[in-house]
C-alpha atoms as a PDB file:
ATOM      1  CA  MET A   1      10.540  29.542 -16.679  1.00  0.00           C
ATOM      2  CA  LEU A   2       9.826  30.735 -20.215  1.00  0.00           C
ATOM      3  CA  GLN A   3       8.943  34.404 -20.618  1.00  0.00           C
ATOM      4  CA  VAL A   4       7.101  35.490 -23.763  1.00  0.00           C
ATOM      5  CA  PRO A   5       6.987  39.306 -23.865  1.00  0.00           C
ATOM      6  CA  GLY A   6       3.925  40.526 -25.713  1.00  0.00           C
ATOM      7  CA  LYS A   7       4.107  43.364 -28.237  1.00  0.00           C
ATOM      8  CA  GLN A   8       7.902  43.269 -28.446  1.00  0.00           C
ATOM      9  CA  ARG A   9      10.234  42.650 -31.360  1.00  0.00           C
ATOM     10  CA  LEU A  10      11.273  39.256 -30.128  1.00  0.00           C
ATOM     11  CA  TYR A  11      11.659  36.401 -32.577  1.00  0.00           C
ATOM     12  CA  LEU A  12      12.641  33.061 -31.032  1.00  0.00           C
ATOM     13  CA  SER A  13      13.902  30.036 -32.943  1.00  0.00           C
ATOM     14  CA  LEU A  14      14.510  26.595 -31.486  1.00  0.00           C
ATOM     15  CA  ARG A  15      16.411  23.721 -32.998  1.00  0.00           C
ATOM     16  CA  GLY A  16      16.987  20.127 -31.920  1.00  0.00           C
ATOM     17  CA  THR A  17      20.387  18.580 -32.575  1.00  0.00           C
ATOM     18  CA  THR A  18      18.809  15.599 -34.336  1.00  0.00           C
ATOM     19  CA  LEU A  19      15.561  15.088 -36.221  1.00  0.00           C
ATOM     20  CA  THR A  20      14.060  13.271 -33.230  1.00  0.00           C
ATOM     21  CA  GLU A  21      15.101  16.010 -30.831  1.00  0.00           C
ATOM     22  CA  ALA A  22      13.767  18.626 -33.227  1.00  0.00           C
ATOM     23  CA  HIS A  23      10.381  16.872 -33.189  1.00  0.00           C
ATOM     24  CA  LEU A  24      10.415  16.650 -29.401  1.00  0.00           C
ATOM     25  CA  SER A  25      11.395  20.302 -29.009  1.00  0.00           C
ATOM     26  CA  SER A  26       8.549  21.160 -31.346  1.00  0.00           C
ATOM     27  CA  ARG A  27       5.936  19.314 -29.283  1.00  0.00           C
ATOM     28  CA  THR A  28       7.323  20.444 -25.911  1.00  0.00           C
ATOM     29  CA  THR A  29       7.515  24.069 -27.053  1.00  0.00           C
ATOM     30  CA  ALA A  30       4.400  24.665 -29.161  1.00  0.00           C
ATOM     31  CA  ASP A  31       1.904  22.501 -27.235  1.00  0.00           C
ATOM     32  CA  PRO A  32       2.225  24.170 -23.811  1.00  0.00           C
ATOM     33  CA  LEU A  33       2.364  27.619 -25.437  1.00  0.00           C
ATOM     34  CA  CYS A  34      -1.007  26.802 -27.019  1.00  0.00           C
ATOM     35  CA  ARG A  35      -2.170  25.542 -23.616  1.00  0.00           C
ATOM     36  CA  PHE A  36      -2.899  22.066 -24.924  1.00  0.00           C
ATOM     37  CA  TYR A  37      -1.478  21.099 -21.537  1.00  0.00           C
ATOM     38  CA  ASN A  38       0.203  22.872 -18.642  1.00  0.00           C
ATOM     39  CA  PRO A  39       3.860  22.153 -17.773  1.00  0.00           C
ATOM     40  CA  LYS A  40       4.412  19.942 -14.727  1.00  0.00           C
ATOM     41  CA  LEU A  41       7.370  22.075 -13.662  1.00  0.00           C
ATOM     42  CA  GLY A  42       8.009  25.773 -14.144  1.00  0.00           C
ATOM     43  CA  ARG A  43       5.817  28.475 -15.614  1.00  0.00           C
ATOM     44  CA  ILE A  44       5.208  30.191 -18.934  1.00  0.00           C
ATOM     45  CA  LEU A  45       4.798  33.949 -18.631  1.00  0.00           C
ATOM     46  CA  TYR A  46       3.098  35.942 -21.354  1.00  0.00           C
ATOM     47  CA  ASN A  47       3.562  39.665 -20.988  1.00  0.00           C
ATOM     48  CA  GLY A  48       4.408  39.058 -17.337  1.00  0.00           C
ATOM     49  CA  SER A  49       1.391  36.858 -16.569  1.00  0.00           C
ATOM     50  CA  ASP A  50       1.318  33.107 -15.984  1.00  0.00           C
ATOM     51  CA  ILE A  51      -0.646  31.783 -18.967  1.00  0.00           C
ATOM     52  CA  SER A  52      -2.275  29.075 -16.818  1.00  0.00           C
ATOM     53  CA  GLN A  53      -4.003  31.885 -14.893  1.00  0.00           C
ATOM     54  CA  LEU A  54      -5.313  33.675 -17.990  1.00  0.00           C
ATOM     55  CA  SER A  55      -8.736  33.158 -19.553  1.00  0.00           C
ATOM     56  CA  LEU A  56      -8.216  30.324 -22.049  1.00  0.00           C
ATOM     57  CA  SER A  57     -10.540  31.815 -24.673  1.00  0.00           C
ATOM     58  CA  HIS A  58      -8.976  35.288 -24.375  1.00  0.00           C
ATOM     59  CA  TYR A  59      -5.423  33.907 -24.510  1.00  0.00           C
ATOM     60  CA  ARG A  60      -6.081  31.762 -27.553  1.00  0.00           C
ATOM     61  CA  LYS A  61      -7.547  34.730 -29.416  1.00  0.00           C
ATOM     62  CA  GLU A  62      -4.074  36.279 -29.177  1.00  0.00           C
ATOM     63  CA  VAL A  63      -2.260  33.169 -30.416  1.00  0.00           C
ATOM     64  CA  SER A  64      -1.991  31.579 -33.867  1.00  0.00           C
ATOM     65  CA  LEU A  65      -0.245  28.285 -34.566  1.00  0.00           C
ATOM     66  CA  VAL A  66       1.061  27.134 -37.928  1.00  0.00           C
ATOM     67  CA  ALA A  67       1.967  23.476 -37.503  1.00  0.00           C
ATOM     68  CA  GLN A  68       4.140  21.320 -39.739  1.00  0.00           C
ATOM     69  CA  GLU A  69       1.106  19.248 -40.724  1.00  0.00           C
ATOM     70  CA  PRO A  70      -1.736  21.671 -41.588  1.00  0.00           C
ATOM     71  CA  SER A  71      -5.252  20.770 -40.484  1.00  0.00           C
ATOM     72  CA  LEU A  72      -7.855  21.435 -43.160  1.00  0.00           C
ATOM     73  CA  PHE A  73     -11.505  20.421 -43.040  1.00  0.00           C
ATOM     74  CA  ASN A  74     -14.086  19.395 -45.605  1.00  0.00           C
ATOM     75  CA  GLY A  75     -15.401  22.724 -46.889  1.00  0.00           C
ATOM     76  CA  THR A  76     -14.388  25.635 -49.072  1.00  0.00           C
ATOM     77  CA  ILE A  77     -11.078  27.438 -49.084  1.00  0.00           C
ATOM     78  CA  ARG A  78     -12.747  30.514 -47.613  1.00  0.00           C
ATOM     79  CA  GLU A  79     -14.383  28.516 -44.815  1.00  0.00           C
ATOM     80  CA  ASN A  80     -11.069  26.924 -43.892  1.00  0.00           C
ATOM     81  CA  ILE A  81      -9.285  30.285 -43.723  1.00  0.00           C
ATOM     82  CA  LEU A  82     -12.024  31.844 -41.587  1.00  0.00           C
ATOM     83  CA  LEU A  83     -12.306  28.957 -39.137  1.00  0.00           C
ATOM     84  CA  GLY A  84     -12.580  30.523 -35.675  1.00  0.00           C
ATOM     85  CA  VAL A  85     -12.083  34.060 -36.994  1.00  0.00           C
ATOM     86  CA  ASP A  86     -14.116  36.984 -35.612  1.00  0.00           C
ATOM     87  CA  GLU A  87     -16.800  38.424 -37.885  1.00  0.00           C
ATOM     88  CA  ASP A  88     -15.008  41.786 -38.162  1.00  0.00           C
ATOM     89  CA  LEU A  89     -12.104  40.042 -39.927  1.00  0.00           C
ATOM     90  CA  ALA A  90     -14.267  38.004 -42.302  1.00  0.00           C
ATOM     91  CA  ALA A  91     -14.529  40.617 -45.076  1.00  0.00           C
ATOM     92  CA  ASP A  92     -13.186  39.556 -48.467  1.00  0.00           C
ATOM     93  CA  GLU A  93     -10.479  42.238 -48.362  1.00  0.00           C
ATOM     94  CA  HIS A  94      -9.007  40.725 -45.169  1.00  0.00           C
ATOM     95  CA  VAL A  95      -9.184  37.185 -46.555  1.00  0.00           C
ATOM     96  CA  HIS A  96      -7.547  38.193 -49.825  1.00  0.00           C
ATOM     97  CA  GLN A  97      -4.753  40.159 -48.118  1.00  0.00           C
ATOM     98  CA  ALA A  98      -3.911  37.264 -45.788  1.00  0.00           C
ATOM     99  CA  CYS A  99      -3.733  34.974 -48.804  1.00  0.00           C
ATOM    100  CA  ARG A 100      -1.535  37.407 -50.706  1.00  0.00           C
ATOM    101  CA  ASP A 101       0.818  37.520 -47.735  1.00  0.00           C
ATOM    102  CA  ALA A 102       0.861  33.712 -47.669  1.00  0.00           C
ATOM    103  CA  GLU A 103       1.595  33.594 -51.443  1.00  0.00           C
ATOM    104  CA  ILE A 104      -1.589  31.620 -52.195  1.00  0.00           C
ATOM    105  CA  HIS A 105      -4.051  34.249 -53.517  1.00  0.00           C
ATOM    106  CA  ASP A 106      -3.024  33.977 -57.191  1.00  0.00           C
ATOM    107  CA  PHE A 107      -3.468  30.221 -57.120  1.00  0.00           C
ATOM    108  CA  ILE A 108      -6.912  30.484 -55.508  1.00  0.00           C
ATOM    109  CA  VAL A 109      -8.299  33.002 -58.001  1.00  0.00           C
ATOM    110  CA  SER A 110      -7.026  30.821 -60.854  1.00  0.00           C
ATOM    111  CA  LEU A 111      -9.441  28.075 -59.783  1.00  0.00           C
ATOM    112  CA  PRO A 112     -12.887  27.982 -61.451  1.00  0.00           C
ATOM    113  CA  GLU A 113     -14.654  28.375 -58.095  1.00  0.00           C
ATOM    114  CA  GLY A 114     -12.004  30.627 -56.544  1.00  0.00           C
ATOM    115  CA  TYR A 115     -12.405  30.954 -52.773  1.00  0.00           C
ATOM    116  CA  ASN A 116     -15.518  28.757 -52.939  1.00  0.00           C
ATOM    117  CA  THR A 117     -13.478  25.749 -54.101  1.00  0.00           C
ATOM    118  CA  GLU A 118     -14.049  22.649 -51.976  1.00  0.00           C
ATOM    119  CA  VAL A 119     -10.779  21.354 -50.542  1.00  0.00           C
ATOM    120  CA  GLY A 120     -12.056  17.850 -49.708  1.00  0.00           C
ATOM    121  CA  THR A 121     -11.461  15.834 -46.555  1.00  0.00           C
ATOM    122  CA  LYS A 122      -8.168  16.900 -44.959  1.00  0.00           C
ATOM    123  CA  GLY A 123      -7.521  19.125 -47.992  1.00  0.00           C
ATOM    124  CA  VAL A 124      -7.049  16.154 -50.309  1.00  0.00           C
ATOM    125  CA  ALA A 125      -7.601  18.371 -53.390  1.00  0.00           C
ATOM    126  CA  LEU A 126      -4.493  20.470 -52.549  1.00  0.00           C
ATOM    127  CA  SER A 127      -0.767  19.813 -52.542  1.00  0.00           C
ATOM    128  CA  GLY A 128       1.247  19.844 -49.336  1.00  0.00           C
ATOM    129  CA  GLY A 129       2.637  23.300 -50.056  1.00  0.00           C
ATOM    130  CA  GLN A 130      -0.803  24.717 -50.912  1.00  0.00           C
ATOM    131  CA  LYS A 131      -2.266  23.350 -47.684  1.00  0.00           C
ATOM    132  CA  GLN A 132       0.584  24.878 -45.708  1.00  0.00           C
ATOM    133  CA  ARG A 133       0.090  28.294 -47.297  1.00  0.00           C
ATOM    134  CA  LEU A 134      -3.625  28.161 -46.476  1.00  0.00           C
ATOM    135  CA  SER A 135      -2.672  27.369 -42.884  1.00  0.00           C
ATOM    136  CA  ILE A 136      -0.351  30.382 -42.842  1.00  0.00           C
ATOM    137  CA  ALA A 137      -3.129  32.592 -44.265  1.00  0.00           C
ATOM    138  CA  ARG A 138      -5.483  31.333 -41.540  1.00  0.00           C
ATOM    139  CA  ALA A 139      -2.915  32.334 -38.912  1.00  0.00           C
ATOM    140  CA  LEU A 140      -2.160  35.757 -40.394  1.00  0.00           C
ATOM    141  CA  ILE A 141      -5.789  36.867 -40.836  1.00  0.00           C
ATOM    142  CA  ARG A 142      -6.263  36.686 -37.066  1.00  0.00           C
ATOM    143  CA  ASN A 143      -3.435  39.224 -36.621  1.00  0.00           C
ATOM    144  CA  PRO A 144      -2.106  37.379 -33.556  1.00  0.00           C
ATOM    145  CA  ARG A 145       0.075  38.972 -30.903  1.00  0.00           C
ATOM    146  CA  LEU A 146       1.855  35.631 -30.493  1.00  0.00           C
ATOM    147  CA  LEU A 147       2.608  33.658 -33.660  1.00  0.00           C
ATOM    148  CA  LEU A 148       3.892  30.093 -33.222  1.00  0.00           C
ATOM    149  CA  LEU A 149       5.564  28.555 -36.260  1.00  0.00           C
ATOM    150  CA  ASP A 150       6.207  24.831 -35.857  1.00  0.00           C
ATOM    151  CA  GLU A 151       8.225  23.860 -38.970  1.00  0.00           C
ATOM    152  CA  ALA A 152       5.735  26.117 -40.737  1.00  0.00           C
ATOM    153  CA  THR A 153       7.683  26.486 -43.994  1.00  0.00           C
ATOM    154  CA  SER A 154       9.099  22.966 -44.226  1.00  0.00           C
ATOM    155  CA  ASN A 155       6.660  21.949 -46.996  1.00  0.00           C
ATOM    156  CA  LEU A 156       7.301  25.028 -49.147  1.00  0.00           C
ATOM    157  CA  ASP A 157       9.736  25.319 -52.037  1.00  0.00           C
ATOM    158  CA  ALA A 158      12.706  27.642 -51.492  1.00  0.00           C
ATOM    159  CA  GLU A 159      11.248  30.570 -53.479  1.00  0.00           C
ATOM    160  CA  THR A 160       7.866  30.489 -51.706  1.00  0.00           C
ATOM    161  CA  GLU A 161       9.544  30.042 -48.320  1.00  0.00           C
ATOM    162  CA  LYS A 162      11.651  33.139 -48.934  1.00  0.00           C
ATOM    163  CA  ALA A 163       8.550  35.196 -49.846  1.00  0.00           C
ATOM    164  CA  VAL A 164       6.593  33.974 -46.787  1.00  0.00           C
ATOM    165  CA  GLN A 165       9.592  34.604 -44.508  1.00  0.00           C
ATOM    166  CA  ALA A 166       9.700  38.171 -45.838  1.00  0.00           C
ATOM    167  CA  VAL A 167       6.074  38.632 -44.712  1.00  0.00           C
ATOM    168  CA  PHE A 168       6.900  37.306 -41.242  1.00  0.00           C
ATOM    169  CA  GLU A 169       9.876  39.682 -41.029  1.00  0.00           C
ATOM    170  CA  LYS A 170       7.812  42.642 -42.242  1.00  0.00           C
ATOM    171  CA  THR A 171       5.088  42.106 -39.637  1.00  0.00           C
ATOM    172  CA  ARG A 172       7.199  40.965 -36.683  1.00  0.00           C
ATOM    173  CA  SER A 173       7.251  44.434 -35.080  1.00  0.00           C
ATOM    174  CA  ASP A 174       3.574  43.909 -34.234  1.00  0.00           C
ATOM    175  CA  ARG A 175       3.947  40.515 -32.603  1.00  0.00           C
ATOM    176  CA  THR A 176       6.110  37.997 -30.808  1.00  0.00           C
ATOM    177  CA  MET A 177       7.176  35.002 -32.880  1.00  0.00           C
ATOM    178  CA  VAL A 178       8.261  31.606 -31.568  1.00  0.00           C
ATOM    179  CA  VAL A 179       9.730  29.469 -34.323  1.00  0.00           C
ATOM    180  CA  VAL A 180      10.621  25.784 -34.217  1.00  0.00           C
ATOM    181  CA  ALA A 181      12.769  24.808 -37.190  1.00  0.00           C
ATOM    182  CA  HIS A 182      15.680  22.747 -38.324  1.00  0.00           C
ATOM    183  CA  ARG A 183      16.310  24.659 -41.529  1.00  0.00           C
ATOM    184  CA  LEU A 184      19.156  27.003 -40.638  1.00  0.00           C
ATOM    185  CA  ALA A 185      17.958  29.583 -43.165  1.00  0.00           C
ATOM    186  CA  THR A 186      14.771  29.869 -41.091  1.00  0.00           C
ATOM    187  CA  VAL A 187      16.540  30.714 -37.836  1.00  0.00           C
ATOM    188  CA  GLN A 188      19.450  32.914 -38.881  1.00  0.00           C
ATOM    189  CA  ASN A 189      17.525  36.210 -38.585  1.00  0.00           C
ATOM    190  CA  ALA A 190      16.185  35.399 -35.122  1.00  0.00           C
ATOM    191  CA  ASP A 191      16.912  37.773 -32.239  1.00  0.00           C
ATOM    192  CA  VAL A 192      17.485  34.759 -29.990  1.00  0.00           C
ATOM    193  CA  ILE A 193      18.291  31.178 -30.999  1.00  0.00           C
ATOM    194  CA  PHE A 194      17.996  28.326 -28.491  1.00  0.00           C
ATOM    195  CA  VAL A 195      19.883  25.175 -29.443  1.00  0.00           C
ATOM    196  CA  LEU A 196      18.206  22.246 -27.694  1.00  0.00           C
ATOM    197  CA  GLY A 197      19.710  18.854 -26.938  1.00  0.00           C
ATOM    198  CA  ASP A 198      19.447  16.169 -24.279  1.00  0.00           C
ATOM    199  CA  GLY A 199      16.315  17.844 -22.931  1.00  0.00           C
ATOM    200  CA  ARG A 200      17.985  21.165 -22.126  1.00  0.00           C
ATOM    201  CA  VAL A 201      19.198  24.408 -23.684  1.00  0.00           C
ATOM    202  CA  MET A 202      22.710  23.786 -24.997  1.00  0.00           C
ATOM    203  CA  GLU A 203      23.378  27.269 -26.396  1.00  0.00           C
ATOM    204  CA  LYS A 204      21.624  30.624 -26.580  1.00  0.00           C
ATOM    205  CA  GLY A 205      22.287  33.765 -28.590  1.00  0.00           C
ATOM    206  CA  ASP A 206      21.840  35.333 -32.003  1.00  0.00           C
ATOM    207  CA  HIS A 207      23.369  33.809 -35.134  1.00  0.00           C
ATOM    208  CA  ALA A 208      26.586  35.865 -35.123  1.00  0.00           C
ATOM    209  CA  THR A 209      27.218  35.291 -31.416  1.00  0.00           C
ATOM    210  CA  LEU A 210      26.695  31.535 -31.665  1.00  0.00           C
ATOM    211  CA  VAL A 211      28.941  31.247 -34.710  1.00  0.00           C
ATOM    212  CA  ARG A 212      31.714  33.086 -32.835  1.00  0.00           C
ATOM    213  CA  LYS A 213      31.418  30.596 -29.966  1.00  0.00           C
ATOM    214  CA  ARG A 214      32.311  27.797 -32.402  1.00  0.00           C
ATOM    215  CA  GLY A 215      30.190  25.329 -30.437  1.00  0.00           C
ATOM    216  CA  LEU A 216      27.276  23.097 -31.388  1.00  0.00           C
ATOM    217  CA  TYR A 217      25.473  25.717 -33.476  1.00  0.00           C
ATOM    218  CA  TYR A 218      28.690  26.494 -35.340  1.00  0.00           C
ATOM    219  CA  GLN A 219      29.063  22.782 -36.120  1.00  0.00           C
ATOM    220  CA  MET A 220      25.545  22.692 -37.578  1.00  0.00           C
ATOM    221  CA  VAL A 221      26.202  25.812 -39.673  1.00  0.00           C
ATOM    222  CA  SER A 222      29.427  24.262 -40.974  1.00  0.00           C
ATOM    223  CA  LEU A 223      27.601  21.036 -41.815  1.00  0.00           C
ATOM    224  CA  TYR A 224      24.918  22.828 -43.853  1.00  0.00           C
ATOM    225  CA  ASP A 225      27.225  25.457 -45.358  1.00  0.00           C
ATOM    226  CA  PRO A 226      30.826  24.184 -45.466  1.00  0.00           C
ATOM    227  CA  SER A 227      32.012  27.419 -47.112  1.00  0.00           C
END
């Protein structure tokens, strides 16, 4: 049973022990939390309630997903950011703030058409990092209570990733965050880290606790940072 406490300062990070396991943990964590399907065994509780018993439309209004591969559609930058967003959040000031938080606003206003720039099919006119930052802006403008980050910063350069992570940290008191990542820098500030392997939780704890255990997580830290 996975319990996701709403409106609490909980920031979860999950990591597979290999690239394949990381991908599997991503799909098996993010997909059921988005209710793309219901788990065959066990339950997922959100703020004490089984999510399969909640109104799907109401639940999804409280959830935002930033996937590793952003989904953009043929239309303008503004239209892509506001996809599925309530009218009360569609004002320019909200759009611009979300884009500032995602470190993409300055790039957008530098374009001749600004927010009315056409992105092309699947965002072909943008780089991978630009598409990812638009996806992050789309998630942030909805002000979700549950933010799911599935390798959300993997396509960003180190400087931009650091700036975006700072936004996530600054706003995490207002939401629950579930993060799937295999960049150790992404998970080190988590309140709880789950190390996944062989289809089960191998270790659980915060960064300092897991390093002291000198187990699997410690081995991964040593591999990435031998010092």
